[in-house]
Each structure stands twice: as structure tokens, then as C-alpha cells.
Amino acid sequence: MSNILPNRKFMSNSTALISAVASLAASAMLIRSITKDFIPLEVQEFFSSQIHYLSHKFSSQLTIVVEEFQGMSRNQVFEGAQVYLGTKATLSALRVKASKSEDDKNLAFSVDRNEEVSDEYEGVQVRWKLSCEVVESNGTRHSNDMNASLRSEVRSYELSFHKKHKEKIFNSYLPFVLEKAKAIKQENMAVKLHTIEYDCYWNGHGVTFDHPMTFKTLAIDAELKRKVVNDLDKFVKGKEFYVRTGKAWKRGYLLYGPPGTGKSSLIAAMANYLNYDIYDLDLTVVHDNKDLKNLILGMCNRSILVIEDIDCTIKLQNRQEQKEAVKNEDNKVTLSGLLNVIDGLWSCCGEERIIVFTTNHKERLDPALLRPGRMDMHFHLSYCTFSAFEQLAFNYLGISQHKLFELIEGLLREVNVTPAEIAGELTKSIDAIDPLQDLVKFLHDKKILGLAKNDHNVNENHEQGGEK
């Protein structure tokens, strides 16, 4: 009996509370109805704006509104926030959008409508909200503002934070978001290969460069590989250095050596390592210096310009020949024209670019092409060294040591053989019981053939000397 009385009392109190809430709600509805019917709309809006103003005046929070469009152009801050917040959305947002285009390597995530995402920067807490306002199009085009032109919704990001951190957000955080978004976007973009099409223009958006070569699998001398990677790292991080020294942010590499030593593979590894597009410049299809200049101007930043076999791709007129050329002769790509676009004033029209020349015969090149500032680093890709062979053995056979390694190392010192030849032999011998045994035989035969050829040359020279 004693337990029943408290329960009845509780139920009585609950009923009274519900009645009071219902009465209050009814009173609020009545007041709202009276206000709407008897108080002019202008007066209502005035009091509403004043209340809104006072609430913000005494609030400790500051909000930055970032609209999607700035006039007729996309707002770069909005785009940057969209990319940057995609990496944060999966952690705190309840609704996230996923997408992927052909140009993307990975899935891209973004914040859905009216979702909030929290972030922290140097100890400062901030909140982002994607605000979407649905609007009805009246068919009128606002020529100077895409935010209100024939669109079903107007989107903007609202960035909220404590007022005391205003300077840090304006001067540090927002620039940080833009730089971070740029890096994220670049990292997620697939590498493109661009070639020249008709009328001497690059082929649109290029084709996806889906080459598997990386520095991890590249079979060149280990010390050379280390030098290349270190130089690339220094170049990418060197923007302040180039600005401070007044130099264009570019780097020139000359790759030279016998055919089959890995020059093209090295370029592929560089592109994949840096995530830079490749522009394959075939000088034989370029009509004149003007077209060459337009092609260079048409390149994107963060890219690699490649001119392969420059010694035999085209016969560049040297400067003396140009002076003696007849004026009415058809224009051609000249040496001075090439030098101007890679090292003259036009080379500054773009940044973070790498220029790569390849040749099998370095001695045939004009010295003007080779000086520092044009070709900053000269990398000799030699015949196969033992460290390059070790990489090939691991790539093709999955082994890092073997009893025949010592013998092979000795043979490689005595035989000129390219990494491409070694790779070919390993490919043929993959299914053999002992694939390295076949490689030893190949190297031994090549050594004997080389000795025989040397003896033949010695005899010929001796006979010619005797005849004299």
C-alpha cells in the first residue's frame, strides 16, 4: 500500500507538468497568431533583426561565410574547403558524399548538405558547416553572380570559431587550408601523358599514364638512384630558395648512356614519385620557334618536359648557321629558340617544372645545351651494375641472395650488358629449375664473344700497321 501512494503522486505531478507545457504551447501559438495578424511585417522584421544582432553582439563566436561563387567564377576558398574537409568528413560528419572520376586515383569524400565538421589547428577548435539554401529560379539570369543564377540551391561554407583567434584563422588557418587542399588534389590526380596533336597543340587532357615503374622497382645503380631522389626532394621543397635567389623554379636533367640502360624507366619513376604530368615533346613535328614557345606556354605547372634522343630527334641549327641562313628559308626550330624556352625569359612562365633531355651520345650535343641552368644535373646510366642486378633479381625472381651472386658480380665487371638484356634473360628463365644458371651462361658467352672481338680488332690493327 505504501508503494502505491508514491506512484500515484508521481503520476499526478507528471500530468500537471504535461498540462502546463500544453498550456504554454497554446499560449505561444496564440501570441504568434496575434503578432502575425496585428503587428506589421516591417515591425516584426525590425525586432527580429535586433534580437539577432544582440545575440551576435554578445556572442563569443565569429562566423566566416564562404560562398560557392564569386561573381561568375568559382570561389577558390570554397573549392579548397571542399577538398580539405573531405579528409575530415569521415571522422565527424553524419552524412558524407563519395565520388570518383577517371582523373582520380582514389575515392573523394565531401560534406553533405547542412552537415557540420569539426577541425583543430594549432590548438584552436573550429567548426565548418555546409549551408544549402533552396531557391526557386525565376528564369532571370544574373550576369554577374552565379550564386543566384538559374540554380536550385545556393551553397556556402560557414566557418565558426572563437573571436580571440580571429588573426590566426585569417592569416594562418585559411592559407593552410588552401595549401593543404592543393596538395590533396594533386596527390589524388592520376598522372597524365601529353603528346603533340595537329596544329602543334597538346592533346587536350592527355591520357592516363598508368606506368607501374617506381624508384622501389627501378633497376639502376643504387647510388645513382639515391642522388636522383635526393635532388627531386630538394627541388620540390625549394620554392623559397628559388624566390630568394631570383631564379625560375625549374630543374634540368640530362640522362645519357647506352640504349637499354633505363632512361625512359627513370622518367616514369620520376613522374610517379612526384605525381607530375609528362609532356613528351617530339621536335620533329614542331614547325618553328613560335610553335615551340606556344607548346611550352601550354604546359601545366608541376610537370616534366621530356625530349628523348635530342641528339638525333632533329638537327638543331647552331647559332653560326642561323646567321648565314637565307631569310626566305622556311622557319625551323633553332638551337637559340630551344635555349630561350628552357632558360630564357619564357622559362619563367610557369613553375615547378622539370626538363629532361635523353641521349645515347652526350658528346654529340652542343655545349650550350649542357651548361648549368639548362641541364643542372647530368646522370650517366651505365651498363648493368651489381646493385641494379640485385634489384632485377628481386623484381623477377623474388630473391635477394643466391650462391651464384658472387660469380655474377664478377662477370658484370667484365661484360658490358644492359639492365634490359638482364631483364630479358631473367624473363626467359623464370620457369627454369635454376634461372640464374642460364644467366651465368649468357654472361659467360658474352664475355667470350667480347674477348674474341677484341682479338680480331687487335689483329686487324697489326696487319694494317704492317702494310704501312
Protein backbone atom coordinates (compact mmCIF):
# COMPACT_ATOMS: atom_id res chain seq x y z
CA MET A 1 0.00 0.00 0.00
CA SER A 2 2.86 2.33 0.85
CA ASN A 3 4.38 1.77 -2.65
CA ILE A 4 1.14 2.69 -4.42
CA LEU A 5 0.88 6.19 -2.89
CA PRO A 6 4.25 7.49 -4.23
CA ASN A 7 3.40 6.17 -7.72
CA ARG A 8 0.07 8.00 -7.69
CA LYS A 9 1.84 11.17 -6.57
CA PHE A 10 4.38 10.84 -9.41
CA MET A 11 1.63 10.32 -11.98
CA SER A 12 -0.21 13.35 -10.62
CA ASN A 13 2.91 15.54 -10.93
CA SER A 14 3.58 14.28 -14.48
CA THR A 15 0.02 15.06 -15.53
CA ALA A 16 0.32 18.56 -14.11
CA LEU A 17 3.63 19.12 -15.95
CA ILE A 18 2.20 17.96 -19.26
CA SER A 19 -0.83 20.21 -18.79
CA ALA A 20 1.42 23.19 -18.05
CA VAL A 21 3.56 22.56 -21.16
CA ALA A 22 0.46 22.19 -23.33
CA SER A 23 -0.97 25.42 -21.92
CA LEU A 24 2.31 27.25 -22.56
CA ALA A 25 2.46 25.95 -26.14
CA ALA A 26 -1.13 27.05 -26.76
CA SER A 27 -0.34 30.50 -25.37
CA ALA A 28 2.72 30.77 -27.63
CA MET A 29 0.66 29.83 -30.69
CA LEU A 30 -1.97 32.42 -29.73
CA ILE A 31 0.66 35.14 -29.27
CA ARG A 32 2.25 34.22 -32.60
CA SER A 33 -1.13 34.39 -34.34
CA ILE A 34 -1.93 37.77 -32.80
CA THR A 35 1.52 39.09 -33.69
CA LYS A 36 1.17 37.93 -37.28
CA ASP A 37 -2.31 39.44 -37.67
CA PHE A 38 -1.97 42.78 -35.87
CA ILE A 39 1.74 43.74 -35.96
CA PRO A 40 3.03 44.95 -39.37
CA LEU A 41 5.62 42.76 -41.11
CA GLU A 42 8.18 45.57 -41.12
CA VAL A 43 7.95 45.87 -37.34
CA GLN A 44 8.30 42.10 -36.95
CA GLU A 45 11.41 42.06 -39.14
CA PHE A 46 12.88 45.01 -37.21
CA PHE A 47 12.52 43.31 -33.83
CA SER A 48 13.77 40.02 -35.29
CA SER A 49 16.87 41.68 -36.71
CA GLN A 50 17.53 43.50 -33.43
CA ILE A 51 17.29 40.27 -31.45
CA HIS A 52 19.59 38.58 -33.98
CA TYR A 53 22.05 41.49 -33.76
CA LEU A 54 22.11 41.48 -29.96
CA SER A 55 22.60 37.73 -29.79
CA HIS A 56 25.62 38.01 -32.12
CA LYS A 57 26.98 41.12 -30.43
CA PHE A 58 27.34 39.37 -27.11
CA SER A 59 28.37 36.03 -28.63
CA SER A 60 31.98 34.88 -28.35
CA GLN A 61 31.78 33.13 -31.73
CA LEU A 62 32.72 34.61 -35.10
CA THR A 63 31.50 33.12 -38.38
CA ILE A 64 33.06 33.46 -41.83
CA VAL A 65 30.76 32.79 -44.78
CA VAL A 66 32.44 31.30 -47.87
CA GLU A 67 30.09 31.34 -50.86
CA GLU A 68 30.50 28.87 -53.71
CA PHE A 69 30.77 31.56 -56.39
CA GLN A 70 32.48 34.91 -56.54
CA GLY A 71 30.55 36.68 -59.26
CA MET A 72 30.75 34.40 -62.30
CA SER A 73 33.79 32.47 -61.06
CA ARG A 74 34.12 29.62 -58.62
CA ASN A 75 35.37 30.74 -55.23
CA GLN A 76 38.78 29.14 -54.70
CA VAL A 77 38.32 29.25 -50.94
CA PHE A 78 35.09 27.24 -51.28
CA GLU A 79 36.79 24.70 -53.55
CA GLY A 80 39.75 24.43 -51.20
CA ALA A 81 37.49 23.94 -48.17
CA GLN A 82 35.53 21.27 -50.03
CA VAL A 83 38.67 19.27 -50.82
CA TYR A 84 40.24 19.77 -47.39
CA LEU A 85 37.09 18.91 -45.42
CA GLY A 86 36.71 15.73 -47.46
CA THR A 87 39.60 14.29 -45.43
CA LYS A 88 37.86 15.30 -42.17
CA ALA A 89 34.26 14.48 -43.05
CA THR A 90 34.51 10.75 -42.42
CA LEU A 91 35.57 11.44 -38.82
CA SER A 92 32.77 13.71 -37.57
CA ALA A 93 30.05 14.22 -40.19
CA LEU A 94 26.94 12.03 -40.12
CA ARG A 95 26.32 12.24 -43.88
CA VAL A 96 29.20 12.11 -46.36
CA LYS A 97 29.21 12.08 -50.17
CA ALA A 98 31.62 9.84 -52.10
CA SER A 99 32.73 10.30 -55.71
CA LYS A 100 35.45 9.31 -58.17
CA SER A 101 36.26 10.48 -61.69
CA GLU A 102 38.55 8.99 -64.31
CA ASP A 103 41.23 11.51 -63.35
CA ASP A 104 41.20 10.50 -59.67
CA LYS A 105 43.34 7.76 -58.17
CA ASN A 106 41.18 7.23 -55.11
CA LEU A 107 37.69 7.87 -53.80
CA ALA A 108 36.98 11.50 -52.92
CA PHE A 109 34.73 12.39 -49.98
CA SER A 110 32.85 15.62 -49.33
CA VAL A 111 30.46 17.05 -46.76
CA ASP A 112 26.74 16.62 -47.44
CA ARG A 113 24.14 19.41 -47.11
CA ASN A 114 23.87 21.12 -43.73
CA GLU A 115 26.43 18.79 -42.15
CA GLU A 116 28.99 20.06 -39.64
CA VAL A 117 32.66 19.10 -39.45
CA SER A 118 34.99 19.94 -36.58
CA ASP A 119 38.69 20.67 -37.03
CA GLU A 120 41.64 21.76 -34.90
CA TYR A 121 44.54 23.99 -35.94
CA GLU A 122 47.40 24.73 -33.55
CA GLY A 123 45.14 24.16 -30.57
CA VAL A 124 42.24 26.23 -31.95
CA GLN A 125 38.88 24.49 -32.37
CA VAL A 126 36.81 25.41 -35.43
CA ARG A 127 33.58 24.16 -36.94
CA TRP A 128 32.61 24.08 -40.60
CA LYS A 129 29.03 23.79 -41.85
CA LEU A 130 27.90 23.35 -45.45
CA SER A 131 24.84 25.58 -45.63
CA CYS A 132 22.46 24.98 -48.54
CA GLU A 133 19.57 27.35 -49.24
CA VAL A 134 16.95 26.10 -51.68
CA VAL A 135 15.79 28.83 -54.06
CA GLU A 136 13.20 28.97 -56.79
CA SER A 137 14.53 30.03 -60.16
CA ASN A 138 12.52 32.80 -61.81
CA GLY A 139 14.24 32.28 -65.14
CA THR A 140 16.17 35.53 -64.78
CA ARG A 141 19.89 35.28 -65.31
CA HIS A 142 22.06 37.43 -63.06
CA SER A 143 25.01 38.11 -65.33
CA ASN A 144 27.40 39.00 -62.53
CA ASP A 145 26.59 36.44 -59.83
CA MET A 146 26.31 32.66 -60.28
CA ASN A 147 25.16 32.36 -56.66
CA ALA A 148 21.68 33.45 -57.75
CA SER A 149 21.56 32.41 -61.43
CA LEU A 150 19.24 29.66 -62.54
CA ARG A 151 20.23 27.44 -59.66
CA SER A 152 18.06 25.37 -57.36
CA GLU A 153 20.24 25.97 -54.31
CA VAL A 154 22.87 28.35 -53.05
CA ARG A 155 25.75 26.72 -51.18
CA SER A 156 28.22 28.23 -48.77
CA TYR A 157 30.52 27.10 -46.00
CA GLU A 158 30.19 28.69 -42.57
CA LEU A 159 33.40 28.65 -40.53
CA SER A 160 32.81 29.35 -36.81
CA PHE A 161 35.44 29.90 -34.12
CA HIS A 162 36.15 31.98 -31.00
CA LYS A 163 36.68 35.66 -31.70
CA LYS A 164 40.02 35.77 -29.91
CA HIS A 165 41.54 33.51 -32.61
CA LYS A 166 40.47 35.79 -35.49
CA GLU A 167 44.00 36.78 -36.55
CA LYS A 168 45.26 33.20 -36.56
CA ILE A 169 42.28 31.98 -38.61
CA PHE A 170 42.57 34.79 -41.17
CA ASN A 171 46.34 34.84 -41.55
CA SER A 172 47.33 31.21 -40.94
CA TYR A 173 44.47 28.73 -40.95
CA LEU A 174 42.73 29.70 -44.20
CA PRO A 175 46.03 29.83 -46.19
CA PHE A 176 46.89 26.46 -44.62
CA VAL A 177 43.55 25.02 -45.82
CA LEU A 178 44.21 26.25 -49.38
CA GLU A 179 47.75 24.82 -49.48
CA LYS A 180 46.62 21.53 -47.98
CA ALA A 181 43.75 21.26 -50.46
CA LYS A 182 46.14 21.90 -53.35
CA ALA A 183 48.41 19.08 -52.17
CA ILE A 184 45.49 16.68 -51.61
CA LYS A 185 44.06 17.41 -55.05
CA GLN A 186 47.42 16.97 -56.74
CA GLU A 187 48.12 13.72 -54.90
CA ASN A 188 44.76 12.26 -55.91
CA MET A 189 45.10 13.18 -59.59
CA ALA A 190 46.27 10.47 -61.97
CA VAL A 191 49.48 11.24 -63.87
CA LYS A 192 48.77 12.25 -67.47
CA LEU A 193 50.89 11.82 -70.58
CA HIS A 194 50.58 14.65 -73.11
CA THR A 195 51.71 14.44 -76.73
CA ILE A 196 51.52 16.88 -79.64
CA GLU A 197 48.50 16.75 -81.93
CA TYR A 198 47.69 18.60 -85.14
CA ASP A 199 48.45 22.32 -85.35
CA CYS A 200 51.12 21.90 -82.67
CA TYR A 201 48.89 21.75 -79.59
CA TRP A 202 48.96 19.35 -76.67
CA ASN A 203 46.31 16.64 -76.82
CA GLY A 204 43.60 18.06 -74.56
CA HIS A 205 43.59 16.48 -71.12
CA GLY A 206 46.17 13.86 -72.11
CA VAL A 207 45.95 10.13 -71.49
CA THR A 208 46.30 8.45 -68.13
CA PHE A 209 49.92 7.44 -67.55
CA ASP A 210 49.38 4.09 -65.88
CA HIS A 211 53.04 3.07 -65.73
CA PRO A 212 53.96 0.77 -62.81
CA MET A 213 57.62 1.83 -62.54
CA THR A 214 58.67 3.34 -59.21
CA PHE A 215 62.01 4.05 -57.56
CA LYS A 216 61.39 0.96 -55.46
CA THR A 217 61.45 -1.29 -58.55
CA LEU A 218 63.74 0.77 -60.80
CA ALA A 219 66.85 -1.22 -61.69
CA ILE A 220 69.68 1.29 -61.90
CA ASP A 221 72.79 1.79 -59.82
CA ALA A 222 71.76 2.26 -56.16
CA GLU A 223 73.97 5.32 -55.62
CA LEU A 224 72.62 7.00 -58.75
CA LYS A 225 69.05 6.30 -57.63
CA ARG A 226 69.78 7.90 -54.26
CA LYS A 227 71.20 11.02 -55.93
CA VAL A 228 68.16 11.42 -58.17
CA VAL A 229 65.65 11.04 -55.33
CA ASN A 230 67.55 13.47 -53.09
CA ASP A 231 67.72 16.06 -55.85
CA LEU A 232 64.00 15.71 -56.60
CA ASP A 233 63.12 16.14 -52.93
CA LYS A 234 65.28 19.24 -52.68
CA PHE A 235 63.68 20.69 -55.82
CA VAL A 236 60.09 20.16 -54.68
CA LYS A 237 60.76 21.78 -51.30
CA GLY A 238 62.86 24.60 -52.75
CA LYS A 239 60.29 27.23 -53.70
CA GLU A 240 61.58 29.74 -51.15
CA PHE A 241 65.16 29.16 -52.35
CA TYR A 242 64.25 29.89 -55.98
CA VAL A 243 62.32 33.02 -54.99
CA ARG A 244 65.16 34.22 -52.75
CA THR A 245 67.79 33.72 -55.45
CA GLY A 246 65.65 35.18 -58.25
CA LYS A 247 65.64 32.01 -60.34
CA ALA A 248 62.82 30.30 -62.21
CA TRP A 249 61.51 27.29 -60.27
CA LYS A 250 62.68 24.64 -62.72
CA ARG A 251 65.29 21.90 -62.94
CA GLY A 252 67.11 20.38 -65.91
CA TYR A 253 68.30 16.77 -66.11
CA LEU A 254 70.42 15.16 -68.82
CA LEU A 255 70.11 11.37 -68.92
CA TYR A 256 72.76 9.77 -71.09
CA GLY A 257 74.07 6.29 -71.66
CA PRO A 258 73.74 3.28 -73.99
CA PRO A 259 70.28 2.13 -75.15
CA GLY A 260 68.51 -0.15 -72.67
CA THR A 261 70.07 1.32 -69.53
CA GLY A 262 66.79 2.65 -68.09
CA LYS A 263 66.46 6.28 -69.19
CA SER A 264 62.74 6.04 -70.02
CA SER A 265 62.09 3.94 -66.92
CA LEU A 266 63.77 6.60 -64.79
CA ILE A 267 61.48 9.28 -66.24
CA ALA A 268 58.43 7.12 -65.45
CA ALA A 269 59.65 6.62 -61.88
CA MET A 270 60.18 10.38 -61.51
CA ALA A 271 56.65 11.15 -62.72
CA ASN A 272 55.09 8.61 -60.36
CA TYR A 273 57.23 9.77 -57.44
CA LEU A 274 56.34 13.45 -57.88
CA ASN A 275 52.86 12.88 -59.33
CA TYR A 276 53.81 15.22 -62.20
CA ASP A 277 52.29 15.08 -65.68
CA ILE A 278 54.64 14.23 -68.56
CA TYR A 279 54.80 16.33 -71.74
CA ASP A 280 56.51 14.31 -74.47
CA LEU A 281 57.92 16.89 -76.87
CA ASP A 282 58.75 15.49 -80.31
CA LEU A 283 60.73 18.25 -82.00
CA THR A 284 60.30 16.68 -85.45
CA VAL A 285 56.64 17.75 -85.56
CA VAL A 286 57.26 21.30 -84.31
CA HIS A 287 57.32 23.73 -87.22
CA ASP A 288 59.25 26.65 -85.80
CA ASN A 289 60.32 28.53 -82.69
CA LYS A 290 56.91 30.21 -82.37
CA ASP A 291 55.14 26.85 -82.14
CA LEU A 292 57.74 25.65 -79.66
CA LYS A 293 57.09 28.70 -77.48
CA ASN A 294 53.32 28.12 -77.58
CA LEU A 295 53.78 24.49 -76.56
CA ILE A 296 55.88 25.48 -73.55
CA LEU A 297 53.29 28.08 -72.53
CA GLY A 298 50.58 25.41 -72.84
CA MET A 299 52.16 23.20 -70.19
CA CYS A 300 50.77 22.97 -66.68
CA ASN A 301 52.83 23.64 -63.59
CA ARG A 302 54.17 20.62 -61.69
CA SER A 303 55.11 18.79 -64.87
CA ILE A 304 58.01 17.11 -66.66
CA LEU A 305 59.01 18.15 -70.18
CA VAL A 306 60.75 15.26 -71.95
CA ILE A 307 62.79 15.47 -75.16
CA GLU A 308 64.11 11.99 -75.90
CA ASP A 309 67.13 11.30 -78.11
CA ILE A 310 67.72 15.01 -78.53
CA ASP A 311 70.92 14.37 -80.49
CA CYS A 312 69.07 12.65 -83.34
CA THR A 313 65.44 13.82 -82.99
CA ILE A 314 66.14 16.91 -85.04
CA LYS A 315 69.23 18.63 -86.41
CA LEU A 316 69.20 21.90 -84.48
CA GLN A 317 70.75 24.78 -86.38
CA ASN A 318 73.57 26.24 -84.36
CA ARG A 319 73.90 29.98 -83.94
CA GLN A 320 76.53 30.41 -86.70
CA GLU A 321 74.35 28.57 -89.22
CA GLN A 322 71.40 30.75 -88.25
CA LYS A 323 73.34 33.92 -89.13
CA GLU A 324 74.18 32.52 -92.54
CA ALA A 325 70.66 31.22 -93.24
CA VAL A 326 68.76 32.79 -96.11
CA LYS A 327 65.89 34.99 -94.93
CA ASN A 328 63.24 33.40 -97.13
CA GLU A 329 64.11 29.88 -95.99
CA ASP A 330 61.35 28.00 -94.15
CA ASN A 331 61.44 28.58 -90.40
CA LYS A 332 62.75 25.76 -88.24
CA VAL A 333 63.31 25.05 -84.58
CA THR A 334 66.71 26.52 -83.84
CA LEU A 335 69.15 25.95 -81.04
CA SER A 336 68.71 29.51 -79.78
CA GLY A 337 64.93 29.06 -79.89
CA LEU A 338 65.17 25.94 -77.75
CA LEU A 339 67.57 27.64 -75.33
CA ASN A 340 65.21 30.60 -74.95
CA VAL A 341 62.23 28.48 -73.89
CA ILE A 342 64.19 26.36 -71.41
CA ASP A 343 66.42 29.06 -69.94
CA GLY A 344 65.34 32.48 -71.24
CA LEU A 345 62.57 34.85 -70.21
CA TRP A 346 59.89 32.42 -71.37
CA SER A 347 61.12 29.79 -68.94
CA CYS A 348 59.66 31.89 -66.10
CA CYS A 349 56.10 31.49 -67.44
CA GLY A 350 55.38 28.51 -65.22
CA GLU A 351 56.83 26.96 -62.11
CA GLU A 352 57.79 23.63 -60.56
CA ARG A 353 58.81 22.19 -63.92
CA ILE A 354 61.47 19.63 -64.72
CA ILE A 355 63.11 19.46 -68.16
CA VAL A 356 64.65 16.13 -69.18
CA PHE A 357 66.86 15.51 -72.20
CA THR A 358 67.92 11.97 -73.07
CA THR A 359 70.69 10.91 -75.42
CA ASN A 360 72.79 7.88 -76.21
CA HIS A 361 75.68 10.12 -77.27
CA LYS A 362 76.41 13.02 -74.95
CA GLU A 363 79.46 14.03 -76.98
CA ARG A 364 77.26 14.98 -79.94
CA LEU A 365 75.37 17.69 -78.06
CA ASP A 366 76.12 21.39 -78.38
CA PRO A 367 77.92 22.58 -75.22
CA ALA A 368 75.34 25.38 -74.90
CA LEU A 369 72.70 22.77 -74.03
CA LEU A 370 74.76 21.28 -71.22
CA ARG A 371 75.75 24.22 -69.09
CA PRO A 372 74.32 24.64 -65.54
CA GLY A 373 70.99 26.44 -65.51
CA ARG A 374 69.89 24.42 -68.52
CA MET A 375 70.91 20.91 -67.63
CA ASP A 376 71.63 21.20 -63.90
CA MET A 377 72.37 17.52 -63.33
CA HIS A 378 73.98 15.02 -65.71
CA PHE A 379 73.10 11.42 -64.85
CA HIS A 380 75.05 8.68 -66.58
CA LEU A 381 73.02 5.48 -66.86
CA SER A 382 75.72 2.87 -67.30
CA TYR A 383 75.72 -0.79 -68.16
CA CYS A 384 74.24 -3.07 -65.52
CA THR A 385 75.95 -2.86 -62.13
CA PHE A 386 75.62 -5.48 -59.43
CA SER A 387 73.22 -3.33 -57.39
CA ALA A 388 70.98 -2.96 -60.45
CA PHE A 389 71.14 -6.73 -60.98
CA GLU A 390 70.10 -7.32 -57.35
CA GLN A 391 67.02 -5.19 -57.95
CA LEU A 392 66.20 -7.13 -61.13
CA ALA A 393 66.65 -10.47 -59.36
CA PHE A 394 64.24 -9.36 -56.66
CA ASN A 395 61.72 -7.97 -59.18
CA TYR A 396 61.67 -11.04 -61.42
CA LEU A 397 62.59 -13.93 -59.14
CA GLY A 398 61.76 -12.63 -55.68
CA ILE A 399 65.23 -13.46 -54.32
CA SER A 400 67.70 -11.21 -52.51
CA GLN A 401 70.63 -13.64 -52.21
CA HIS A 402 71.89 -16.73 -54.01
CA LYS A 403 75.05 -18.80 -54.22
CA LEU A 404 75.67 -17.56 -57.79
CA PHE A 405 75.50 -13.87 -56.88
CA GLU A 406 79.25 -13.62 -56.31
CA LEU A 407 80.02 -15.20 -59.69
CA ILE A 408 77.53 -12.91 -61.44
CA GLU A 409 79.03 -9.86 -59.74
CA GLY A 410 82.45 -10.76 -61.16
CA LEU A 411 81.07 -11.32 -64.66
CA LEU A 412 79.25 -7.97 -64.63
CA ARG A 413 82.58 -6.23 -64.03
CA GLU A 414 83.98 -7.84 -67.18
CA VAL A 415 80.97 -7.69 -69.52
CA ASN A 416 79.08 -4.71 -70.91
CA VAL A 417 75.44 -5.75 -70.59
CA THR A 418 72.41 -3.52 -70.15
CA PRO A 419 69.71 -3.94 -67.49
CA ALA A 420 67.26 -4.52 -70.34
CA GLU A 421 69.30 -7.52 -71.52
CA ILE A 422 69.47 -8.94 -67.99
CA ALA A 423 65.71 -8.48 -67.61
CA GLY A 424 65.16 -10.30 -70.89
CA GLU A 425 67.24 -13.28 -69.77
CA LEU A 426 65.51 -13.44 -66.38
CA THR A 427 62.12 -13.35 -68.08
CA LYS A 428 63.07 -16.32 -70.28
CA SER A 429 64.42 -18.25 -67.30
CA ILE A 430 61.61 -17.69 -64.76
CA ASP A 431 60.27 -21.24 -65.14
CA ALA A 432 63.72 -22.86 -65.22
CA ILE A 433 64.91 -25.04 -62.32
CA ASP A 434 67.79 -22.66 -61.67
CA PRO A 435 67.15 -19.43 -63.64
CA LEU A 436 70.41 -17.83 -62.54
CA GLN A 437 72.40 -20.67 -64.08
CA ASP A 438 71.09 -19.67 -67.50
CA LEU A 439 72.05 -16.05 -66.80
CA VAL A 440 75.59 -17.10 -65.86
CA LYS A 441 75.88 -18.95 -69.17
CA PHE A 442 74.60 -15.89 -71.05
CA LEU A 443 77.16 -13.62 -69.37
CA HIS A 444 79.96 -16.12 -69.88
CA ASP A 445 79.17 -16.45 -73.60
CA LYS A 446 79.04 -12.67 -73.92
CA LYS A 447 82.44 -12.42 -72.24
CA ILE A 448 84.00 -14.94 -74.65
CA LEU A 449 82.41 -13.15 -77.62
CA GLY A 450 83.83 -9.84 -76.40
CA LEU A 451 87.33 -11.31 -75.99
CA ALA A 452 87.19 -12.80 -79.47
CA LYS A 453 86.10 -9.47 -80.94
CA ASN A 454 88.95 -7.67 -79.18
CA ASP A 455 91.49 -10.19 -80.51
CA HIS A 456 90.09 -9.72 -84.02
CA ASN A 457 90.42 -5.93 -83.77
CA VAL A 458 94.00 -6.22 -82.47
CA ASN A 459 94.97 -8.47 -85.39
CA GLU A 460 93.39 -6.09 -87.91
CA ASN A 461 95.26 -3.12 -86.48
CA HIS A 462 98.51 -5.09 -86.51
CA GLU A 463 98.04 -6.07 -90.15
CA GLN A 464 97.23 -2.51 -91.18
CA GLY A 465 100.34 -1.29 -89.36
CA GLY A 466 102.48 -3.85 -91.17
CA GLU A 467 101.19 -2.78 -94.58
CA LYS A 468 102.19 0.80 -93.87
